[in-house]
Amino acid sequence: MKPCGICGTSNNDDNQFCIGCGQKLEPNQPAQVVPTTPNPPIPPQASPVPLGHQQPNPIPSAQMPSAEMP
């Protein structure tokens, strides 16, 4: 049995092509290790403040200027 240098599938010694991926097999072809990139760490997310505990900001009411009558 010889492993595929691309996907690592074991193939019969008389196979010319890999039965897993179709790659042409070379005699005594060493298996290649495909490097994997590690996933970047996920930063923690801030916990949302429950809506029931928030104090709304008071909105100042618009004051109309007093109009003088002529």
N, C-alpha and C. Protein backbone atom coordinates (compact mmCIF):
# COMPACT_ATOMS: atom_id res chain seq x y z
N MET A 1 0.85 -1.18 0.00
CA MET A 1 0.00 0.00 0.00
C MET A 1 0.90 1.24 0.00
N LYS A 2 0.50 2.20 -0.80
CA LYS A 2 1.24 3.46 -0.80
C LYS A 2 0.26 4.60 -0.57
N PRO A 3 0.65 5.53 0.31
CA PRO A 3 -0.24 6.65 0.60
C PRO A 3 -0.13 7.73 -0.47
N CYS A 4 -1.23 8.43 -0.69
CA CYS A 4 -1.25 9.55 -1.61
C CYS A 4 -0.50 10.71 -0.97
N GLY A 5 0.32 11.40 -1.75
CA GLY A 5 1.07 12.53 -1.23
C GLY A 5 0.21 13.76 -1.03
N ILE A 6 -1.01 13.77 -1.57
CA ILE A 6 -1.89 14.92 -1.44
C ILE A 6 -2.91 14.71 -0.32
N CYS A 7 -3.69 13.63 -0.41
CA CYS A 7 -4.78 13.44 0.56
C CYS A 7 -4.48 12.37 1.61
N GLY A 8 -3.42 11.56 1.41
CA GLY A 8 -3.05 10.56 2.40
C GLY A 8 -3.80 9.25 2.29
N THR A 9 -4.66 9.09 1.29
CA THR A 9 -5.41 7.85 1.11
C THR A 9 -4.46 6.71 0.77
N SER A 10 -4.65 5.54 1.39
CA SER A 10 -3.83 4.37 1.07
C SER A 10 -4.31 3.78 -0.24
N ASN A 11 -3.37 3.54 -1.15
CA ASN A 11 -3.68 2.99 -2.47
C ASN A 11 -2.89 1.71 -2.67
N ASN A 12 -3.41 0.84 -3.54
CA ASN A 12 -2.67 -0.37 -3.89
C ASN A 12 -1.37 0.02 -4.57
N ASP A 13 -0.36 -0.83 -4.41
CA ASP A 13 0.95 -0.53 -4.98
C ASP A 13 0.92 -0.42 -6.50
N ASP A 14 -0.02 -1.09 -7.17
CA ASP A 14 -0.06 -1.04 -8.63
C ASP A 14 -0.93 0.11 -9.16
N ASN A 15 -1.57 0.88 -8.28
CA ASN A 15 -2.37 2.03 -8.73
C ASN A 15 -1.46 3.13 -9.26
N GLN A 16 -1.88 3.75 -10.36
CA GLN A 16 -1.13 4.88 -10.89
C GLN A 16 -1.74 6.20 -10.42
N PHE A 17 -3.01 6.15 -10.02
CA PHE A 17 -3.71 7.35 -9.55
C PHE A 17 -4.37 7.05 -8.21
N CYS A 18 -4.49 8.07 -7.39
CA CYS A 18 -5.10 7.93 -6.07
C CYS A 18 -6.59 7.65 -6.21
N ILE A 19 -7.08 6.69 -5.43
CA ILE A 19 -8.50 6.38 -5.47
C ILE A 19 -9.31 7.41 -4.69
N GLY A 20 -8.64 8.25 -3.88
CA GLY A 20 -9.34 9.25 -3.10
C GLY A 20 -9.50 10.57 -3.82
N CYS A 21 -8.39 11.07 -4.43
CA CYS A 21 -8.44 12.41 -5.03
C CYS A 21 -8.05 12.43 -6.50
N GLY A 22 -7.56 11.33 -7.05
CA GLY A 22 -7.22 11.28 -8.46
C GLY A 22 -5.81 11.75 -8.80
N GLN A 23 -5.03 12.13 -7.79
CA GLN A 23 -3.66 12.60 -8.02
C GLN A 23 -2.82 11.45 -8.56
N LYS A 24 -1.94 11.78 -9.52
CA LYS A 24 -1.04 10.76 -10.06
C LYS A 24 -0.08 10.34 -8.96
N LEU A 25 0.05 9.03 -8.77
CA LEU A 25 0.92 8.49 -7.73
C LEU A 25 2.29 8.22 -8.30
N GLU A 26 3.30 8.64 -7.59
CA GLU A 26 4.68 8.38 -7.96
C GLU A 26 5.18 7.24 -7.08
N PRO A 27 6.10 6.43 -7.58
CA PRO A 27 6.64 5.37 -6.73
C PRO A 27 7.39 5.97 -5.54
N ASN A 28 7.15 5.41 -4.36
CA ASN A 28 7.78 5.86 -3.12
C ASN A 28 7.54 7.34 -2.85
N GLN A 29 6.36 7.82 -3.20
CA GLN A 29 6.02 9.22 -2.98
C GLN A 29 5.70 9.42 -1.50
N PRO A 30 6.45 10.29 -0.82
CA PRO A 30 6.14 10.52 0.60
C PRO A 30 4.85 11.33 0.76
N ALA A 31 4.16 11.04 1.82
CA ALA A 31 2.92 11.78 2.08
C ALA A 31 3.26 13.20 2.50
N GLN A 32 2.55 14.16 1.94
CA GLN A 32 2.76 15.56 2.30
C GLN A 32 1.76 15.93 3.39
N VAL A 33 2.24 16.63 4.36
CA VAL A 33 1.37 17.10 5.42
C VAL A 33 0.90 18.49 5.04
N VAL A 34 -0.41 18.64 4.93
CA VAL A 34 -0.99 19.93 4.57
C VAL A 34 -1.10 20.74 5.86
N PRO A 35 -0.37 21.86 5.94
CA PRO A 35 -0.45 22.65 7.18
C PRO A 35 -1.82 23.30 7.32
N THR A 36 -2.30 23.31 8.53
CA THR A 36 -3.57 23.96 8.79
C THR A 36 -3.30 25.23 9.57
N THR A 37 -4.02 26.27 9.23
CA THR A 37 -3.85 27.52 9.95
C THR A 37 -4.78 27.51 11.16
N PRO A 38 -4.25 27.84 12.32
CA PRO A 38 -5.12 27.84 13.51
C PRO A 38 -6.12 28.98 13.43
N ASN A 39 -7.29 28.73 14.00
CA ASN A 39 -8.32 29.77 14.03
C ASN A 39 -7.91 30.85 15.01
N PRO A 40 -8.10 32.12 14.65
CA PRO A 40 -7.76 33.19 15.59
C PRO A 40 -8.70 33.15 16.78
N PRO A 41 -8.20 33.54 17.96
CA PRO A 41 -9.09 33.52 19.13
C PRO A 41 -10.21 34.53 18.98
N ILE A 42 -11.36 34.16 19.50
CA ILE A 42 -12.54 35.02 19.42
C ILE A 42 -12.55 35.91 20.66
N PRO A 43 -12.55 37.24 20.47
CA PRO A 43 -12.56 38.12 21.64
C PRO A 43 -13.88 38.01 22.39
N PRO A 44 -13.84 38.12 23.71
CA PRO A 44 -15.09 38.03 24.47
C PRO A 44 -15.98 39.23 24.18
N GLN A 45 -17.27 38.97 24.17
CA GLN A 45 -18.22 40.04 23.89
C GLN A 45 -18.74 40.60 25.21
N ALA A 46 -19.00 41.89 25.22
CA ALA A 46 -19.53 42.53 26.42
C ALA A 46 -20.96 42.06 26.65
N SER A 47 -21.29 41.84 27.90
CA SER A 47 -22.64 41.42 28.24
C SER A 47 -23.58 42.61 28.12
N PRO A 48 -24.71 42.45 27.49
CA PRO A 48 -25.65 43.57 27.38
C PRO A 48 -26.29 43.86 28.73
N VAL A 49 -26.59 45.10 28.97
CA VAL A 49 -27.26 45.51 30.21
C VAL A 49 -28.75 45.24 30.02
N PRO A 50 -29.37 44.57 30.97
CA PRO A 50 -30.81 44.31 30.82
C PRO A 50 -31.58 45.62 30.70
N LEU A 51 -32.55 45.64 29.82
CA LEU A 51 -33.30 46.86 29.56
C LEU A 51 -34.11 47.33 30.75
N GLY A 52 -34.53 46.43 31.61
CA GLY A 52 -35.36 46.81 32.74
C GLY A 52 -34.61 47.61 33.79
N HIS A 53 -33.28 47.59 33.78
CA HIS A 53 -32.50 48.28 34.80
C HIS A 53 -31.91 49.60 34.33
N GLN A 54 -32.16 50.00 33.12
CA GLN A 54 -31.61 51.25 32.63
C GLN A 54 -32.55 52.40 32.98
N GLN A 55 -31.96 53.53 33.32
CA GLN A 55 -32.74 54.73 33.58
C GLN A 55 -32.73 55.58 32.32
N PRO A 56 -33.89 55.92 31.80
CA PRO A 56 -33.90 56.74 30.58
C PRO A 56 -33.44 58.15 30.90
N ASN A 57 -32.75 58.75 29.94
CA ASN A 57 -32.32 60.13 30.10
C ASN A 57 -33.54 61.03 29.91
N PRO A 58 -33.77 61.96 30.84
CA PRO A 58 -34.93 62.85 30.67
C PRO A 58 -34.70 63.78 29.48
N ILE A 59 -35.74 63.94 28.70
CA ILE A 59 -35.67 64.82 27.53
C ILE A 59 -36.28 66.15 27.94
N PRO A 60 -35.49 67.23 27.87
CA PRO A 60 -36.05 68.53 28.26
C PRO A 60 -37.14 68.93 27.28
N SER A 61 -38.23 69.41 27.84
CA SER A 61 -39.33 69.82 26.98
C SER A 61 -38.98 71.16 26.34
N ALA A 62 -39.41 71.35 25.13
CA ALA A 62 -39.13 72.60 24.42
C ALA A 62 -40.01 73.70 25.00
N GLN A 63 -39.39 74.79 25.31
CA GLN A 63 -40.16 75.91 25.86
C GLN A 63 -40.31 76.96 24.78
N MET A 64 -41.53 77.38 24.61
CA MET A 64 -41.82 78.40 23.60
C MET A 64 -41.59 79.77 24.22
N PRO A 65 -40.92 80.66 23.53
CA PRO A 65 -40.75 82.02 24.07
C PRO A 65 -42.12 82.70 24.12
N SER A 66 -42.30 83.45 25.17
CA SER A 66 -43.59 84.15 25.29
C SER A 66 -43.65 85.27 24.27
N ALA A 67 -44.71 85.28 23.54
CA ALA A 67 -44.88 86.30 22.49
C ALA A 67 -45.57 87.51 23.08
N GLU A 68 -45.06 88.65 22.76
CA GLU A 68 -45.69 89.88 23.25
C GLU A 68 -46.76 90.30 22.29
N MET A 69 -47.86 90.68 22.81
CA MET A 69 -48.96 91.13 21.98
C MET A 69 -48.76 92.61 21.66
N PRO A 70 -48.98 93.05 20.46
CA PRO A 70 -48.79 94.48 20.15
C PRO A 70 -49.88 95.36 20.69
